[in-house]
Amino acid sequence: ESYVPPVDEGLDDLWETLRQKKELKMAKETPKVRSLQEQPVEEEFSHIEAPDLDVPVGTQRSETLRRQKSITSFRESPDGRIIAAFIEMRGVQKQDVHVSYSRNRLVISWKSVEISEYEENGRVIRERLERDFQRVHPLPEGTRFEEISGVMNGRFLVLRYPNSRSFRVENIPS
């Protein structure tokens, strides 16, 4: 029996070169599925409507529960590694939104304040309605802070983070 030492470095270099060539080739090709084509954020999501949350005063709600439109929309990058979450923030100022990061989750919280003033029986009545909202997005195990990005774009908060369905490959130094 003869022992042949493994030549990992040569194979690693070869596979890395092949991966890079394949990635360059795929980047030049147009996606076969139209929904996977990258579009500018403003154009791609400008058609999304806000959920209808206003209930007219004096009308009765039906006994059945109404399904409301979600204020969050998700898109996957063409390579499937990144998720872009578009959270509608109509009427919310950037300074009222807080995004916190922990090891395996992203917590988005914001507050909206509505002040109404009207006169009743010769008195001015001022009402203040505060609403606190929170959304939690799970992150894949081992997600680093550098892999997360976000931007407030008009009426949307756009968050980009790793897709939990993709496999994480890390180089382990020998």
Protein backbone atom coordinates (compact mmCIF):
# COMPACT_ATOMS: atom_id res chain seq x y z
CA GLU A 1 0.00 0.00 0.00
CA SER A 2 1.34 3.38 -0.94
CA TYR A 3 0.22 6.65 0.57
CA VAL A 4 -0.60 9.55 -1.73
CA PRO A 5 -0.76 12.92 0.04
CA PRO A 6 -3.82 14.98 -0.84
CA VAL A 7 -3.28 17.99 -3.07
CA ASP A 8 -6.11 20.16 -1.80
CA GLU A 9 -4.62 23.50 -2.72
CA GLY A 10 -4.45 22.74 -6.45
CA LEU A 11 -8.03 21.50 -6.53
CA ASP A 12 -9.28 24.46 -4.52
CA ASP A 13 -7.64 26.85 -6.96
CA LEU A 14 -9.12 24.98 -9.92
CA TRP A 15 -12.64 24.97 -8.46
CA GLU A 16 -12.40 28.65 -7.53
CA THR A 17 -11.37 29.53 -11.09
CA LEU A 18 -14.25 27.48 -12.51
CA ARG A 19 -16.73 29.14 -10.13
CA GLN A 20 -15.53 32.61 -11.10
CA LYS A 21 -15.81 31.86 -14.83
CA LYS A 22 -19.32 30.45 -14.36
CA GLU A 23 -20.36 33.46 -12.28
CA LEU A 24 -19.09 35.88 -14.95
CA LYS A 25 -20.85 33.92 -17.69
CA MET A 26 -24.15 33.85 -15.78
CA ALA A 27 -23.92 37.57 -14.94
CA LYS A 28 -23.81 38.42 -18.65
CA GLU A 29 -26.83 36.25 -19.52
CA THR A 30 -30.37 37.48 -19.06
CA PRO A 31 -32.41 35.48 -16.55
CA LYS A 32 -34.70 32.86 -18.04
CA VAL A 33 -37.49 33.86 -15.66
CA ARG A 34 -38.65 37.46 -16.13
CA SER A 35 -39.53 37.96 -12.47
CA LEU A 36 -35.88 37.37 -11.51
CA GLN A 37 -34.58 40.28 -13.58
CA GLU A 38 -33.27 43.07 -11.40
CA GLN A 39 -35.17 46.31 -11.73
CA PRO A 40 -34.63 49.65 -10.03
CA VAL A 41 -36.33 49.76 -6.64
CA GLU A 42 -38.53 52.75 -7.50
CA GLU A 43 -39.94 51.16 -10.67
CA GLU A 44 -40.27 47.61 -9.40
CA PHE A 45 -42.35 48.43 -6.33
CA SER A 46 -44.13 51.66 -7.26
CA HIS A 47 -47.30 49.73 -8.12
CA ILE A 48 -47.74 48.25 -4.62
CA GLU A 49 -50.78 49.72 -2.91
CA ALA A 50 -51.06 50.43 0.78
CA PRO A 51 -53.34 48.23 2.84
CA ASP A 52 -56.83 49.65 3.27
CA LEU A 53 -57.01 50.16 7.02
CA ASP A 54 -59.61 52.92 7.15
CA VAL A 55 -63.01 51.77 8.40
CA PRO A 56 -65.76 54.37 7.91
CA VAL A 57 -67.31 55.60 11.17
CA GLY A 58 -70.85 54.41 11.80
CA THR A 59 -70.66 51.26 9.68
CA GLN A 60 -70.71 47.83 11.19
CA ARG A 61 -67.96 45.37 10.54
CA SER A 62 -68.96 42.04 9.15
CA GLU A 63 -68.63 39.06 11.45
CA THR A 64 -66.08 37.42 9.19
CA LEU A 65 -62.47 38.46 9.43
CA ARG A 66 -61.12 40.51 6.59
CA ARG A 67 -57.77 39.66 5.14
CA GLN A 68 -55.60 42.75 4.84
CA LYS A 69 -52.79 43.27 2.39
CA SER A 70 -49.35 42.81 3.88
CA ILE A 71 -47.18 45.89 4.17
CA THR A 72 -44.09 43.76 3.57
CA SER A 73 -43.07 42.40 0.21
CA PHE A 74 -40.08 40.11 -0.40
CA ARG A 75 -37.87 39.63 -3.45
CA GLU A 76 -35.05 37.17 -3.96
CA SER A 77 -31.85 38.08 -5.82
CA PRO A 78 -31.19 36.28 -9.13
CA ASP A 79 -28.57 34.05 -7.53
CA GLY A 80 -30.86 33.28 -4.57
CA ARG A 81 -28.39 34.38 -1.91
CA ILE A 82 -29.99 37.68 -0.88
CA ILE A 83 -33.52 38.56 0.22
CA ALA A 84 -34.77 42.12 -0.22
CA ALA A 85 -37.63 43.02 2.12
CA PHE A 86 -39.69 46.06 1.12
CA ILE A 87 -41.64 47.39 4.10
CA GLU A 88 -44.17 50.09 3.32
CA MET A 89 -43.70 53.05 5.65
CA ARG A 90 -46.21 55.54 4.30
CA GLY A 91 -46.28 58.64 6.48
CA VAL A 92 -43.43 57.46 8.73
CA GLN A 93 -40.33 59.61 9.05
CA LYS A 94 -36.87 58.06 8.87
CA GLN A 95 -36.05 59.11 12.44
CA ASP A 96 -39.13 57.22 13.73
CA VAL A 97 -37.88 53.86 12.38
CA HIS A 98 -35.51 51.68 14.41
CA VAL A 99 -33.80 48.56 13.04
CA SER A 100 -31.93 46.37 15.50
CA TYR A 101 -29.74 43.39 14.76
CA SER A 102 -29.13 40.35 16.88
CA ARG A 103 -27.42 37.10 16.01
CA ASN A 104 -30.35 35.43 14.29
CA ARG A 105 -33.00 38.09 13.76
CA LEU A 106 -33.65 41.59 12.51
CA VAL A 107 -36.21 43.64 14.48
CA ILE A 108 -37.85 46.61 12.76
CA SER A 109 -39.95 48.89 14.95
CA TRP A 110 -41.62 52.22 14.30
CA LYS A 111 -44.19 54.53 15.80
CA SER A 112 -46.90 56.57 14.16
CA VAL A 113 -48.67 59.45 15.88
CA GLU A 114 -51.94 60.97 14.68
CA ILE A 115 -53.28 64.13 16.28
CA SER A 116 -56.81 65.27 15.53
CA GLU A 117 -58.46 68.42 16.81
CA TYR A 118 -62.15 69.32 16.64
CA GLU A 119 -64.71 71.45 18.44
CA GLU A 120 -67.57 69.91 20.41
CA ASN A 121 -70.10 71.89 22.52
CA GLY A 122 -67.91 74.99 22.43
CA ARG A 123 -64.80 73.09 23.56
CA VAL A 124 -61.76 72.21 21.54
CA ILE A 125 -60.99 68.52 21.76
CA ARG A 126 -57.57 67.23 20.82
CA GLU A 127 -56.99 63.49 20.43
CA ARG A 128 -53.63 61.83 20.10
CA LEU A 129 -53.43 58.31 18.70
CA GLU A 130 -50.08 56.56 19.03
CA ARG A 131 -49.44 53.21 17.37
CA ASP A 132 -46.35 51.08 17.87
CA PHE A 133 -45.45 48.54 15.19
CA GLN A 134 -42.85 45.81 15.09
CA ARG A 135 -41.73 43.24 12.53
CA VAL A 136 -39.20 40.46 13.13
CA HIS A 137 -37.29 38.93 10.22
CA PRO A 138 -35.38 35.71 10.96
CA LEU A 139 -31.78 35.57 9.76
CA PRO A 140 -29.72 32.51 8.88
CA GLU A 141 -27.41 31.21 11.58
CA GLY A 142 -24.06 32.98 11.53
CA THR A 143 -25.20 36.11 9.67
CA ARG A 144 -22.69 38.92 10.14
CA PHE A 145 -23.66 42.57 10.56
CA GLU A 146 -21.74 43.47 7.38
CA GLU A 147 -24.08 41.25 5.33
CA ILE A 148 -27.12 43.39 6.18
CA SER A 149 -27.94 46.68 4.50
CA GLY A 150 -30.93 48.98 4.53
CA VAL A 151 -32.16 52.20 3.01
CA MET A 152 -35.27 54.33 3.49
CA ASN A 153 -36.50 54.98 -0.02
CA GLY A 154 -39.52 57.27 -0.18
CA ARG A 155 -42.36 55.26 1.27
CA PHE A 156 -40.39 52.00 1.55
CA LEU A 157 -37.77 50.71 3.95
CA VAL A 158 -35.64 48.33 1.89
CA LEU A 159 -33.63 45.75 3.83
CA ARG A 160 -31.20 43.31 2.20
CA TYR A 161 -29.97 40.28 4.10
CA PRO A 162 -28.80 36.71 3.38
CA ASN A 163 -31.41 34.19 2.31
CA SER A 164 -31.87 31.43 4.86
CA ARG A 165 -32.54 28.94 2.06
CA SER A 166 -29.08 29.38 0.53
CA PHE A 167 -26.12 27.44 1.85
CA ARG A 168 -23.27 29.30 3.49
CA VAL A 169 -19.85 28.25 2.24
CA GLU A 170 -16.88 29.49 4.19
CA ASN A 171 -13.22 28.96 3.46
CA ILE A 172 -11.51 27.26 6.37
CA PRO A 173 -7.80 28.06 6.53
CA SER A 174 -5.65 24.95 6.74
